[in-house]
Amino acid sequence: MASNKVKIPTIDFCNSELKPGTAQWESTKTQAFQEYGCFEAIYDKVQNEIREARFDTLKEILPLKAELRDYSKKTFKRFQNEIPRFPFYDSVHNADLLIPESFDTFANTFWPDGNPDYW
């Protein structure tokens, strides 16, 4: 029996023509979101080992107990997994990850004692 492994679409942010607001960007991101609901961002300045470590770390986050995951009721700042129409849906949101202090708060929620593989 053959297995059908789903591959998340990738978007290469090193592509100089792929800029927010352009037709190519709108088409690329819309297709990824409509078909899969997500995409993997590729940026050549991030080493492959670091990128792989980030994905491995998600395996630690997603199975957390609900009381640990649902740490904030603010929009875009919590773990979300209770959508009746999508029983296998899990997501982690934080709209302010570009602000260093926000990243620390977000990471400390999951690893209060630190995680050298993550930061």
PDB file of N, CA and C in Angstrom:
ATOM      1  N   MET A   1       0.844  -1.175   0.000  1.00  0.00           N
ATOM      2  CA  MET A   1       0.000   0.000   0.000  1.00  0.00           C
ATOM      3  C   MET A   1       0.892   1.241   0.000  1.00  0.00           C
ATOM      4  N   ALA A   2       0.695   2.098  -0.943  1.00  0.00           N
ATOM      5  CA  ALA A   2       1.493   3.320  -1.043  1.00  0.00           C
ATOM      6  C   ALA A   2       0.945   4.369  -0.087  1.00  0.00           C
ATOM      7  N   SER A   3       1.864   5.137   0.487  1.00  0.00           N
ATOM      8  CA  SER A   3       1.410   6.213   1.370  1.00  0.00           C
ATOM      9  C   SER A   3       1.463   7.534   0.615  1.00  0.00           C
ATOM     10  N   ASN A   4       0.465   8.334   0.829  1.00  0.00           N
ATOM     11  CA  ASN A   4       0.412   9.652   0.207  1.00  0.00           C
ATOM     12  C   ASN A   4       0.823  10.678   1.235  1.00  0.00           C
ATOM     13  N   LYS A   5       2.068  11.096   1.177  1.00  0.00           N
ATOM     14  CA  LYS A   5       2.580  12.071   2.125  1.00  0.00           C
ATOM     15  C   LYS A   5       2.287  13.476   1.598  1.00  0.00           C
ATOM     16  N   VAL A   6       1.627  14.262   2.409  1.00  0.00           N
ATOM     17  CA  VAL A   6       1.293  15.629   2.023  1.00  0.00           C
ATOM     18  C   VAL A   6       2.520  16.501   2.205  1.00  0.00           C
ATOM     19  N   LYS A   7       2.825  17.310   1.207  1.00  0.00           N
ATOM     20  CA  LYS A   7       3.948  18.235   1.297  1.00  0.00           C
ATOM     21  C   LYS A   7       3.393  19.648   1.390  1.00  0.00           C
ATOM     22  N   ILE A   8       3.761  20.325   2.460  1.00  0.00           N
ATOM     23  CA  ILE A   8       3.345  21.716   2.651  1.00  0.00           C
ATOM     24  C   ILE A   8       3.996  22.557   1.555  1.00  0.00           C
ATOM     25  N   PRO A   9       3.244  23.451   0.908  1.00  0.00           N
ATOM     26  CA  PRO A   9       3.850  24.292  -0.117  1.00  0.00           C
ATOM     27  C   PRO A   9       4.897  25.225   0.488  1.00  0.00           C
ATOM     28  N   THR A  10       5.893  25.550  -0.309  1.00  0.00           N
ATOM     29  CA  THR A  10       6.945  26.456   0.150  1.00  0.00           C
ATOM     30  C   THR A  10       6.870  27.764  -0.636  1.00  0.00           C
ATOM     31  N   ILE A  11       7.243  28.826   0.033  1.00  0.00           N
ATOM     32  CA  ILE A  11       7.367  30.130  -0.618  1.00  0.00           C
ATOM     33  C   ILE A  11       8.775  30.619  -0.341  1.00  0.00           C
ATOM     34  N   ASP A  12       9.512  30.877  -1.410  1.00  0.00           N
ATOM     35  CA  ASP A  12      10.908  31.294  -1.302  1.00  0.00           C
ATOM     36  C   ASP A  12      10.975  32.821  -1.234  1.00  0.00           C
ATOM     37  N   PHE A  13      11.287  33.338  -0.058  1.00  0.00           N
ATOM     38  CA  PHE A  13      11.336  34.784   0.142  1.00  0.00           C
ATOM     39  C   PHE A  13      12.626  35.413  -0.383  1.00  0.00           C
ATOM     40  N   CYS A  14      13.505  34.595  -0.962  1.00  0.00           N
ATOM     41  CA  CYS A  14      14.699  35.137  -1.608  1.00  0.00           C
ATOM     42  C   CYS A  14      14.393  35.585  -3.037  1.00  0.00           C
ATOM     43  N   ASN A  15      13.243  35.197  -3.552  1.00  0.00           N
ATOM     44  CA  ASN A  15      12.812  35.590  -4.885  1.00  0.00           C
ATOM     45  C   ASN A  15      12.556  37.096  -4.884  1.00  0.00           C
ATOM     46  N   SER A  16      13.371  37.833  -5.616  1.00  0.00           N
ATOM     47  CA  SER A  16      13.281  39.297  -5.595  1.00  0.00           C
ATOM     48  C   SER A  16      11.967  39.822  -6.178  1.00  0.00           C
ATOM     49  N   GLU A  17      11.270  39.016  -6.972  1.00  0.00           N
ATOM     50  CA  GLU A  17      10.003  39.451  -7.553  1.00  0.00           C
ATOM     51  C   GLU A  17       8.810  39.145  -6.650  1.00  0.00           C
ATOM     52  N   LEU A  18       9.053  38.423  -5.566  1.00  0.00           N
ATOM     53  CA  LEU A  18       7.976  38.025  -4.659  1.00  0.00           C
ATOM     54  C   LEU A  18       7.928  39.004  -3.493  1.00  0.00           C
ATOM     55  N   LYS A  19       7.241  40.108  -3.698  1.00  0.00           N
ATOM     56  CA  LYS A  19       7.150  41.153  -2.680  1.00  0.00           C
ATOM     57  C   LYS A  19       5.685  41.384  -2.316  1.00  0.00           C
ATOM     58  N   PRO A  20       5.414  41.676  -1.032  1.00  0.00           N
ATOM     59  CA  PRO A  20       4.033  41.950  -0.615  1.00  0.00           C
ATOM     60  C   PRO A  20       3.398  43.034  -1.477  1.00  0.00           C
ATOM     61  N   GLY A  21       2.158  42.810  -1.846  1.00  0.00           N
ATOM     62  CA  GLY A  21       1.430  43.777  -2.655  1.00  0.00           C
ATOM     63  C   GLY A  21       1.489  43.516  -4.149  1.00  0.00           C
ATOM     64  N   THR A  22       2.409  42.648  -4.591  1.00  0.00           N
ATOM     65  CA  THR A  22       2.509  42.352  -6.016  1.00  0.00           C
ATOM     66  C   THR A  22       1.527  41.249  -6.392  1.00  0.00           C
ATOM     67  N   ALA A  23       1.222  41.169  -7.674  1.00  0.00           N
ATOM     68  CA  ALA A  23       0.301  40.137  -8.165  1.00  0.00           C
ATOM     69  C   ALA A  23       0.868  38.741  -7.909  1.00  0.00           C
ATOM     70  N   GLN A  24       2.184  38.573  -8.084  1.00  0.00           N
ATOM     71  CA  GLN A  24       2.793  37.259  -7.856  1.00  0.00           C
ATOM     72  C   GLN A  24       2.656  36.846  -6.390  1.00  0.00           C
ATOM     73  N   TRP A  25       2.883  37.776  -5.474  1.00  0.00           N
ATOM     74  CA  TRP A  25       2.738  37.469  -4.048  1.00  0.00           C
ATOM     75  C   TRP A  25       1.298  37.081  -3.725  1.00  0.00           C
ATOM     76  N   GLU A  26       0.343  37.859  -4.195  1.00  0.00           N
ATOM     77  CA  GLU A  26      -1.067  37.574  -3.920  1.00  0.00           C
ATOM     78  C   GLU A  26      -1.457  36.195  -4.447  1.00  0.00           C
ATOM     79  N   SER A  27      -1.040  35.884  -5.658  1.00  0.00           N
ATOM     80  CA  SER A  27      -1.364  34.594  -6.261  1.00  0.00           C
ATOM     81  C   SER A  27      -0.711  33.439  -5.504  1.00  0.00           C
ATOM     82  N   THR A  28       0.561  33.585  -5.164  1.00  0.00           N
ATOM     83  CA  THR A  28       1.315  32.531  -4.483  1.00  0.00           C
ATOM     84  C   THR A  28       0.743  32.238  -3.109  1.00  0.00           C
ATOM     85  N   LYS A  29       0.547  33.268  -2.307  1.00  0.00           N
ATOM     86  CA  LYS A  29       0.048  33.035  -0.941  1.00  0.00           C
ATOM     87  C   LYS A  29      -1.402  32.569  -0.941  1.00  0.00           C
ATOM     88  N   THR A  30      -2.218  33.107  -1.857  1.00  0.00           N
ATOM     89  CA  THR A  30      -3.620  32.707  -1.922  1.00  0.00           C
ATOM     90  C   THR A  30      -3.746  31.232  -2.270  1.00  0.00           C
ATOM     91  N   GLN A  31      -2.965  30.780  -3.239  1.00  0.00           N
ATOM     92  CA  GLN A  31      -3.013  29.366  -3.620  1.00  0.00           C
ATOM     93  C   GLN A  31      -2.595  28.476  -2.448  1.00  0.00           C
ATOM     94  N   ALA A  32      -1.526  28.848  -1.758  1.00  0.00           N
ATOM     95  CA  ALA A  32      -1.055  28.048  -0.617  1.00  0.00           C
ATOM     96  C   ALA A  32      -2.106  27.994   0.484  1.00  0.00           C
ATOM     97  N   PHE A  33      -2.701  29.126   0.805  1.00  0.00           N
ATOM     98  CA  PHE A  33      -3.700  29.161   1.877  1.00  0.00           C
ATOM     99  C   PHE A  33      -4.990  28.438   1.489  1.00  0.00           C
ATOM    100  N   GLN A  34      -5.412  28.577   0.235  1.00  0.00           N
ATOM    101  CA  GLN A  34      -6.655  27.927  -0.179  1.00  0.00           C
ATOM    102  C   GLN A  34      -6.515  26.410  -0.214  1.00  0.00           C
ATOM    103  N   GLU A  35      -5.363  25.918  -0.667  1.00  0.00           N
ATOM    104  CA  GLU A  35      -5.186  24.478  -0.802  1.00  0.00           C
ATOM    105  C   GLU A  35      -4.748  23.801   0.491  1.00  0.00           C
ATOM    106  N   TYR A  36      -3.925  24.482   1.303  1.00  0.00           N
ATOM    107  CA  TYR A  36      -3.354  23.839   2.485  1.00  0.00           C
ATOM    108  C   TYR A  36      -3.599  24.592   3.785  1.00  0.00           C
ATOM    109  N   GLY A  37      -3.908  25.869   3.705  1.00  0.00           N
ATOM    110  CA  GLY A  37      -4.108  26.660   4.912  1.00  0.00           C
ATOM    111  C   GLY A  37      -2.816  27.164   5.521  1.00  0.00           C
ATOM    112  N   CYS A  38      -1.690  26.903   4.852  1.00  0.00           N
ATOM    113  CA  CYS A  38      -0.391  27.321   5.388  1.00  0.00           C
ATOM    114  C   CYS A  38       0.658  27.233   4.287  1.00  0.00           C
ATOM    115  N   PHE A  39       1.863  27.676   4.611  1.00  0.00           N
ATOM    116  CA  PHE A  39       3.007  27.466   3.730  1.00  0.00           C
ATOM    117  C   PHE A  39       4.266  27.498   4.576  1.00  0.00           C
ATOM    118  N   GLU A  40       5.334  26.935   4.034  1.00  0.00           N
ATOM    119  CA  GLU A  40       6.638  26.984   4.691  1.00  0.00           C
ATOM    120  C   GLU A  40       7.431  28.111   4.046  1.00  0.00           C
ATOM    121  N   ALA A  41       7.897  29.039   4.853  1.00  0.00           N
ATOM    122  CA  ALA A  41       8.685  30.162   4.350  1.00  0.00           C
ATOM    123  C   ALA A  41      10.138  29.721   4.194  1.00  0.00           C
ATOM    124  N   ILE A  42      10.711  29.954   3.015  1.00  0.00           N
ATOM    125  CA  ILE A  42      12.112  29.639   2.748  1.00  0.00           C
ATOM    126  C   ILE A  42      12.866  30.961   2.622  1.00  0.00           C
ATOM    127  N   TYR A  43      13.932  31.046   3.358  1.00  0.00           N
ATOM    128  CA  TYR A  43      14.772  32.239   3.320  1.00  0.00           C
ATOM    129  C   TYR A  43      16.199  31.751   3.471  1.00  0.00           C
ATOM    130  N   ASP A  44      17.034  31.936   2.443  1.00  0.00           N
ATOM    131  CA  ASP A  44      18.348  31.283   2.420  1.00  0.00           C
ATOM    132  C   ASP A  44      19.315  31.754   3.500  1.00  0.00           C
ATOM    133  N   LYS A  45      18.987  32.799   4.211  1.00  0.00           N
ATOM    134  CA  LYS A  45      19.878  33.254   5.270  1.00  0.00           C
ATOM    135  C   LYS A  45      19.674  32.465   6.570  1.00  0.00           C
ATOM    136  N   VAL A  46      18.694  31.562   6.577  1.00  0.00           N
ATOM    137  CA  VAL A  46      18.458  30.705   7.738  1.00  0.00           C
ATOM    138  C   VAL A  46      18.981  29.313   7.397  1.00  0.00           C
ATOM    139  N   GLN A  47      19.893  28.806   8.220  1.00  0.00           N
ATOM    140  CA  GLN A  47      20.477  27.495   7.964  1.00  0.00           C
ATOM    141  C   GLN A  47      19.421  26.405   8.046  1.00  0.00           C
ATOM    142  N   ASN A  48      19.591  25.390   7.212  1.00  0.00           N
ATOM    143  CA  ASN A  48      18.646  24.280   7.160  1.00  0.00           C
ATOM    144  C   ASN A  48      18.496  23.598   8.520  1.00  0.00           C
ATOM    145  N   GLU A  49      19.590  23.472   9.271  1.00  0.00           N
ATOM    146  CA  GLU A  49      19.536  22.817  10.580  1.00  0.00           C
ATOM    147  C   GLU A  49      18.632  23.595  11.543  1.00  0.00           C
ATOM    148  N   ILE A  50      18.698  24.911  11.478  1.00  0.00           N
ATOM    149  CA  ILE A  50      17.866  25.751  12.344  1.00  0.00           C
ATOM    150  C   ILE A  50      16.398  25.592  11.955  1.00  0.00           C
ATOM    151  N   ARG A  51      16.130  25.600  10.667  1.00  0.00           N
ATOM    152  CA  ARG A  51      14.759  25.444  10.181  1.00  0.00           C
ATOM    153  C   ARG A  51      14.183  24.098  10.616  1.00  0.00           C
ATOM    154  N   GLU A  52      14.957  23.031  10.457  1.00  0.00           N
ATOM    155  CA  GLU A  52      14.494  21.698  10.863  1.00  0.00           C
ATOM    156  C   GLU A  52      14.250  21.641  12.370  1.00  0.00           C
ATOM    157  N   ALA A  53      15.111  22.274  13.141  1.00  0.00           N
ATOM    158  CA  ALA A  53      14.944  22.276  14.600  1.00  0.00           C
ATOM    159  C   ALA A  53      13.641  22.966  14.993  1.00  0.00           C
ATOM    160  N   ARG A  54      13.264  24.025  14.278  1.00  0.00           N
ATOM    161  CA  ARG A  54      12.017  24.730  14.579  1.00  0.00           C
ATOM    162  C   ARG A  54      10.808  23.823  14.343  1.00  0.00           C
ATOM    163  N   PHE A  55      10.829  23.079  13.251  1.00  0.00           N
ATOM    164  CA  PHE A  55       9.720  22.169  12.973  1.00  0.00           C
ATOM    165  C   PHE A  55       9.667  21.048  14.004  1.00  0.00           C
ATOM    166  N   ASP A  56      10.824  20.533  14.403  1.00  0.00           N
ATOM    167  CA  ASP A  56      10.849  19.483  15.428  1.00  0.00           C
ATOM    168  C   ASP A  56      10.286  20.003  16.743  1.00  0.00           C
ATOM    169  N   THR A  57      10.549  21.263  17.041  1.00  0.00           N
ATOM    170  CA  THR A  57      10.074  21.859  18.282  1.00  0.00           C
ATOM    171  C   THR A  57       8.550  21.943  18.315  1.00  0.00           C
ATOM    172  N   LEU A  58       7.925  22.121  17.170  1.00  0.00           N
ATOM    173  CA  LEU A  58       6.461  22.175  17.130  1.00  0.00           C
ATOM    174  C   LEU A  58       5.834  20.892  17.660  1.00  0.00           C
ATOM    175  N   LYS A  59       6.536  19.773  17.495  1.00  0.00           N
ATOM    176  CA  LYS A  59       6.019  18.501  18.004  1.00  0.00           C
ATOM    177  C   LYS A  59       5.885  18.540  19.522  1.00  0.00           C
ATOM    178  N   GLU A  60       6.723  19.329  20.175  1.00  0.00           N
ATOM    179  CA  GLU A  60       6.632  19.480  21.629  1.00  0.00           C
ATOM    180  C   GLU A  60       5.452  20.369  22.015  1.00  0.00           C
ATOM    181  N   ILE A  61       5.187  21.383  21.235  1.00  0.00           N
ATOM    182  CA  ILE A  61       4.167  22.369  21.578  1.00  0.00           C
ATOM    183  C   ILE A  61       2.758  21.826  21.374  1.00  0.00           C
ATOM    184  N   LEU A  62       2.496  21.228  20.244  1.00  0.00           N
ATOM    185  CA  LEU A  62       1.128  20.884  19.879  1.00  0.00           C
ATOM    186  C   LEU A  62       0.434  19.891  20.792  1.00  0.00           C
ATOM    187  N   PRO A  63       1.106  18.920  21.394  1.00  0.00           N
ATOM    188  CA  PRO A  63       0.349  18.014  22.263  1.00  0.00           C
ATOM    189  C   PRO A  63       0.163  18.500  23.702  1.00  0.00           C
ATOM    190  N   LEU A  64       0.495  19.733  24.002  1.00  0.00           N
ATOM    191  CA  LEU A  64       0.353  20.228  25.371  1.00  0.00           C
ATOM    192  C   LEU A  64      -1.090  20.174  25.848  1.00  0.00           C
ATOM    193  N   LYS A  65      -1.254  20.051  27.140  1.00  0.00           N
ATOM    194  CA  LYS A  65      -2.598  20.062  27.715  1.00  0.00           C
ATOM    195  C   LYS A  65      -3.239  21.426  27.472  1.00  0.00           C
ATOM    196  N   ALA A  66      -4.544  21.422  27.321  1.00  0.00           N
ATOM    197  CA  ALA A  66      -5.273  22.649  26.978  1.00  0.00           C
ATOM    198  C   ALA A  66      -5.025  23.770  27.968  1.00  0.00           C
ATOM    199  N   GLU A  67      -4.930  23.467  29.255  1.00  0.00           N
ATOM    200  CA  GLU A  67      -4.749  24.544  30.232  1.00  0.00           C
ATOM    201  C   GLU A  67      -3.393  25.228  30.082  1.00  0.00           C
ATOM    202  N   LEU A  68      -2.409  24.538  29.523  1.00  0.00           N
ATOM    203  CA  LEU A  68      -1.112  25.162  29.281  1.00  0.00           C
ATOM    204  C   LEU A  68      -1.111  25.916  27.959  1.00  0.00           C
ATOM    205  N   ARG A  69      -1.833  25.403  26.978  1.00  0.00           N
ATOM    206  CA  ARG A  69      -1.818  26.006  25.655  1.00  0.00           C
ATOM    207  C   ARG A  69      -2.628  27.284  25.592  1.00  0.00           C
ATOM    208  N   ASP A  70      -3.769  27.297  26.210  1.00  0.00           N
ATOM    209  CA  ASP A  70      -4.678  28.432  26.083  1.00  0.00           C
ATOM    210  C   ASP A  70      -4.295  29.515  27.085  1.00  0.00           C
ATOM    211  N   TYR A  71      -3.099  30.066  26.898  1.00  0.00           N
ATOM    212  CA  TYR A  71      -2.550  30.982  27.893  1.00  0.00           C
ATOM    213  C   TYR A  71      -3.051  32.404  27.754  1.00  0.00           C
ATOM    214  N   SER A  72      -3.733  32.735  26.672  1.00  0.00           N
ATOM    215  CA  SER A  72      -4.229  34.095  26.495  1.00  0.00           C
ATOM    216  C   SER A  72      -5.526  34.063  25.708  1.00  0.00           C
ATOM    217  N   LYS A  73      -6.460  34.880  26.105  1.00  0.00           N
ATOM    218  CA  LYS A  73      -7.718  34.978  25.368  1.00  0.00           C
ATOM    219  C   LYS A  73      -7.657  36.080  24.314  1.00  0.00           C
ATOM    220  N   LYS A  74      -6.540  36.778  24.216  1.00  0.00           N
ATOM    221  CA  LYS A  74      -6.410  37.839  23.231  1.00  0.00           C
ATOM    222  C   LYS A  74      -6.291  37.230  21.837  1.00  0.00           C
ATOM    223  N   THR A  75      -6.911  37.878  20.867  1.00  0.00           N
ATOM    224  CA  THR A  75      -6.841  37.408  19.494  1.00  0.00           C
ATOM    225  C   THR A  75      -5.390  37.331  19.035  1.00  0.00           C
ATOM    226  N   PHE A  76      -5.051  36.272  18.352  1.00  0.00           N
ATOM    227  CA  PHE A  76      -3.734  36.021  17.773  1.00  0.00           C
ATOM    228  C   PHE A  76      -2.634  35.833  18.801  1.00  0.00           C
ATOM    229  N   LYS A  77      -2.949  35.528  20.051  1.00  0.00           N
ATOM    230  CA  LYS A  77      -1.903  35.329  21.049  1.00  0.00           C
ATOM    231  C   LYS A  77      -2.190  34.084  21.866  1.00  0.00           C
ATOM    232  N   ARG A  78      -2.590  33.014  21.205  1.00  0.00           N
ATOM    233  CA  ARG A  78      -2.897  31.806  21.954  1.00  0.00           C
ATOM    234  C   ARG A  78      -2.852  30.585  21.053  1.00  0.00           C
ATOM    235  N   PHE A  79      -2.953  29.453  21.694  1.00  0.00           N
ATOM    236  CA  PHE A  79      -3.081  28.191  20.994  1.00  0.00           C
ATOM    237  C   PHE A  79      -4.562  27.985  20.722  1.00  0.00           C
ATOM    238  N   GLN A  80      -4.895  27.545  19.537  1.00  0.00           N
ATOM    239  CA  GLN A  80      -6.303  27.345  19.200  1.00  0.00           C
ATOM    240  C   GLN A  80      -6.480  25.945  18.637  1.00  0.00           C
ATOM    241  N   ASN A  81      -7.422  25.198  19.198  1.00  0.00           N
ATOM    242  CA  ASN A  81      -7.661  23.869  18.647  1.00  0.00           C
ATOM    243  C   ASN A  81      -9.101  23.411  18.775  1.00  0.00           C
ATOM    244  N   GLU A  82     -10.000  24.277  19.124  1.00  0.00           N
ATOM    245  CA  GLU A  82     -11.383  23.854  19.303  1.00  0.00           C
ATOM    246  C   GLU A  82     -12.287  24.482  18.252  1.00  0.00           C
ATOM    247  N   ILE A  83     -12.201  23.963  17.045  1.00  0.00           N
ATOM    248  CA  ILE A  83     -13.056  24.402  15.960  1.00  0.00           C
ATOM    249  C   ILE A  83     -13.839  23.171  15.508  1.00  0.00           C
ATOM    250  N   PRO A  84     -15.130  23.102  15.828  1.00  0.00           N
ATOM    251  CA  PRO A  84     -15.905  21.893  15.545  1.00  0.00           C
ATOM    252  C   PRO A  84     -15.826  21.406  14.097  1.00  0.00           C
ATOM    253  N   ARG A  85     -15.787  22.318  13.144  1.00  0.00           N
ATOM    254  CA  ARG A  85     -15.739  21.907  11.734  1.00  0.00           C
ATOM    255  C   ARG A  85     -14.394  21.314  11.356  1.00  0.00           C
ATOM    256  N   PHE A  86     -13.346  21.592  12.143  1.00  0.00           N
ATOM    257  CA  PHE A  86     -12.001  21.122  11.837  1.00  0.00           C
ATOM    258  C   PHE A  86     -11.418  20.428  13.061  1.00  0.00           C
ATOM    259  N   PRO A  87     -11.811  19.184  13.322  1.00  0.00           N
ATOM    260  CA  PRO A  87     -11.398  18.520  14.562  1.00  0.00           C
ATOM    261  C   PRO A  87      -9.895  18.273  14.679  1.00  0.00           C
ATOM    262  N   PHE A  88      -9.158  18.286  13.581  1.00  0.00           N
ATOM    263  CA  PHE A  88      -7.720  18.034  13.648  1.00  0.00           C
ATOM    264  C   PHE A  88      -6.902  19.316  13.523  1.00  0.00           C
ATOM    265  N   TYR A  89      -7.560  20.448  13.679  1.00  0.00           N
ATOM    266  CA  TYR A  89      -6.908  21.746  13.512  1.00  0.00           C
ATOM    267  C   TYR A  89      -6.255  22.180  14.816  1.00  0.00           C
ATOM    268  N   ASP A  90      -4.996  22.509  14.753  1.00  0.00           N
ATOM    269  CA  ASP A  90      -4.265  23.114  15.868  1.00  0.00           C
ATOM    270  C   ASP A  90      -3.478  24.282  15.299  1.00  0.00           C
ATOM    271  N   SER A  91      -3.398  25.359  16.031  1.00  0.00           N
ATOM    272  CA  SER A  91      -2.566  26.470  15.575  1.00  0.00           C
ATOM    273  C   SER A  91      -2.066  27.258  16.769  1.00  0.00           C
ATOM    274  N   VAL A  92      -0.938  27.881  16.569  1.00  0.00           N
ATOM    275  CA  VAL A  92      -0.343  28.739  17.580  1.00  0.00           C
ATOM    276  C   VAL A  92      -0.227  30.116  16.943  1.00  0.00           C
ATOM    277  N   HIS A  93      -0.764  31.111  17.612  1.00  0.00           N
ATOM    278  CA  HIS A  93      -0.784  32.464  17.055  1.00  0.00           C
ATOM    279  C   HIS A  93      -0.003  33.420  17.939  1.00  0.00           C
ATOM    280  N   ASN A  94       0.699  34.321  17.313  1.00  0.00           N
ATOM    281  CA  ASN A  94       1.268  35.473  17.991  1.00  0.00           C
ATOM    282  C   ASN A  94       1.591  36.493  16.924  1.00  0.00           C
ATOM    283  N   ALA A  95       0.834  37.559  16.877  1.00  0.00           N
ATOM    284  CA  ALA A  95       0.971  38.558  15.820  1.00  0.00           C
ATOM    285  C   ALA A  95       2.185  39.456  16.002  1.00  0.00           C
ATOM    286  N   ASP A  96       2.827  39.419  17.168  1.00  0.00           N
ATOM    287  CA  ASP A  96       3.912  40.357  17.455  1.00  0.00           C
ATOM    288  C   ASP A  96       5.293  39.705  17.490  1.00  0.00           C
ATOM    289  N   LEU A  97       5.494  38.600  16.784  1.00  0.00           N
ATOM    290  CA  LEU A  97       6.776  37.904  16.882  1.00  0.00           C
ATOM    291  C   LEU A  97       7.956  38.706  16.344  1.00  0.00           C
ATOM    292  N   LEU A  98       7.708  39.775  15.619  1.00  0.00           N
ATOM    293  CA  LEU A  98       8.806  40.611  15.148  1.00  0.00           C
ATOM    294  C   LEU A  98       9.347  41.519  16.245  1.00  0.00           C
ATOM    295  N   ILE A  99       8.637  41.615  17.347  1.00  0.00           N
ATOM    296  CA  ILE A  99       9.090  42.398  18.496  1.00  0.00           C
ATOM    297  C   ILE A  99       9.806  41.434  19.438  1.00  0.00           C
ATOM    298  N   PRO A 100      11.110  41.624  19.688  1.00  0.00           N
ATOM    299  CA  PRO A 100      11.876  40.652  20.486  1.00  0.00           C
ATOM    300  C   PRO A 100      11.248  40.294  21.831  1.00  0.00           C
ATOM    301  N   GLU A 101      10.727  41.256  22.550  1.00  0.00           N
ATOM    302  CA  GLU A 101      10.136  40.964  23.858  1.00  0.00           C
ATOM    303  C   GLU A 101       8.918  40.049  23.719  1.00  0.00           C
ATOM    304  N   SER A 102       8.167  40.226  22.644  1.00  0.00           N
ATOM    305  CA  SER A 102       6.996  39.388  22.412  1.00  0.00           C
ATOM    306  C   SER A 102       7.413  37.948  22.138  1.00  0.00           C
ATOM    307  N   PHE A 103       8.493  37.777  21.397  1.00  0.00           N
ATOM    308  CA  PHE A 103       8.994  36.426  21.127  1.00  0.00           C
ATOM    309  C   PHE A 103       9.396  35.743  22.425  1.00  0.00           C
ATOM    310  N   ASP A 104      10.074  36.468  23.306  1.00  0.00           N
ATOM    311  CA  ASP A 104      10.481  35.892  24.597  1.00  0.00           C
ATOM    312  C   ASP A 104       9.269  35.450  25.405  1.00  0.00           C
ATOM    313  N   THR A 105       8.248  36.292  25.457  1.00  0.00           N
ATOM    314  CA  THR A 105       7.033  35.946  26.197  1.00  0.00           C
ATOM    315  C   THR A 105       6.381  34.705  25.604  1.00  0.00           C
ATOM    316  N   PHE A 106       6.297  34.666  24.294  1.00  0.00           N
ATOM    317  CA  PHE A 106       5.708  33.525  23.599  1.00  0.00           C
ATOM    318  C   PHE A 106       6.491  32.244  23.899  1.00  0.00           C
ATOM    319  N   ALA A 107       7.807  32.281  23.750  1.00  0.00           N
ATOM    320  CA  ALA A 107       8.642  31.101  23.986  1.00  0.00           C
ATOM    321  C   ALA A 107       8.606  30.673  25.446  1.00  0.00           C
ATOM    322  N   ASN A 108       8.620  31.626  26.360  1.00  0.00           N
ATOM    323  CA  ASN A 108       8.594  31.290  27.790  1.00  0.00           C
ATOM    324  C   ASN A 108       7.274  30.642  28.212  1.00  0.00           C
ATOM    325  N   THR A 109       6.229  30.867  27.443  1.00  0.00           N
ATOM    326  CA  THR A 109       4.954  30.211  27.729  1.00  0.00           C
ATOM    327  C   THR A 109       5.091  28.697  27.586  1.00  0.00           C
ATOM    328  N   PHE A 110       5.824  28.264  26.583  1.00  0.00           N
ATOM    329  CA  PHE A 110       5.977  26.839  26.319  1.00  0.00           C
ATOM    330  C   PHE A 110       7.170  26.231  27.048  1.00  0.00           C
ATOM    331  N   TRP A 111       8.215  27.017  27.267  1.00  0.00           N
ATOM    332  CA  TRP A 111       9.416  26.517  27.936  1.00  0.00           C
ATOM    333  C   TRP A 111       9.844  27.497  29.023  1.00  0.00           C
ATOM    334  N   PRO A 112       9.166  27.516  30.167  1.00  0.00           N
ATOM    335  CA  PRO A 112       9.520  28.463  31.228  1.00  0.00           C
ATOM    336  C   PRO A 112      10.944  28.275  31.741  1.00  0.00           C
ATOM    337  N   ASP A 113      11.506  27.077  31.580  1.00  0.00           N
ATOM    338  CA  ASP A 113      12.884  26.822  32.009  1.00  0.00           C
ATOM    339  C   ASP A 113      13.876  26.965  30.866  1.00  0.00           C
ATOM    340  N   GLY A 114      13.403  27.425  29.726  1.00  0.00           N
ATOM    341  CA  GLY A 114      14.271  27.612  28.575  1.00  0.00           C
ATOM    342  C   GLY A 114      14.309  26.387  27.683  1.00  0.00           C
ATOM    343  N   ASN A 115      14.787  26.593  26.461  1.00  0.00           N
ATOM    344  CA  ASN A 115      14.953  25.515  25.493  1.00  0.00           C
ATOM    345  C   ASN A 115      16.099  25.916  24.575  1.00  0.00           C
ATOM    346  N   PRO A 116      17.305  25.384  24.817  1.00  0.00           N
ATOM    347  CA  PRO A 116      18.462  25.797  24.028  1.00  0.00           C
ATOM    348  C   PRO A 116      18.340  25.469  22.540  1.00  0.00           C
ATOM    349  N   ASP A 117      17.468  24.539  22.183  1.00  0.00           N
ATOM    350  CA  ASP A 117      17.282  24.213  20.772  1.00  0.00           C
ATOM    351  C   ASP A 117      16.388  25.217  20.065  1.00  0.00           C
ATOM    352  N   TYR A 118      15.691  26.034  20.828  1.00  0.00           N
ATOM    353  CA  TYR A 118      14.759  26.976  20.223  1.00  0.00           C
ATOM    354  C   TYR A 118      15.282  28.406  20.205  1.00  0.00           C
ATOM    355  N   TRP A 119      15.888  28.841  21.295  1.00  0.00           N
ATOM    356  CA  TRP A 119      16.456  30.199  21.327  1.00  0.00           C
ATOM    357  C   TRP A 119      17.658  30.234  22.205  1.00  0.00           C
TER     358      TRP A 119
END
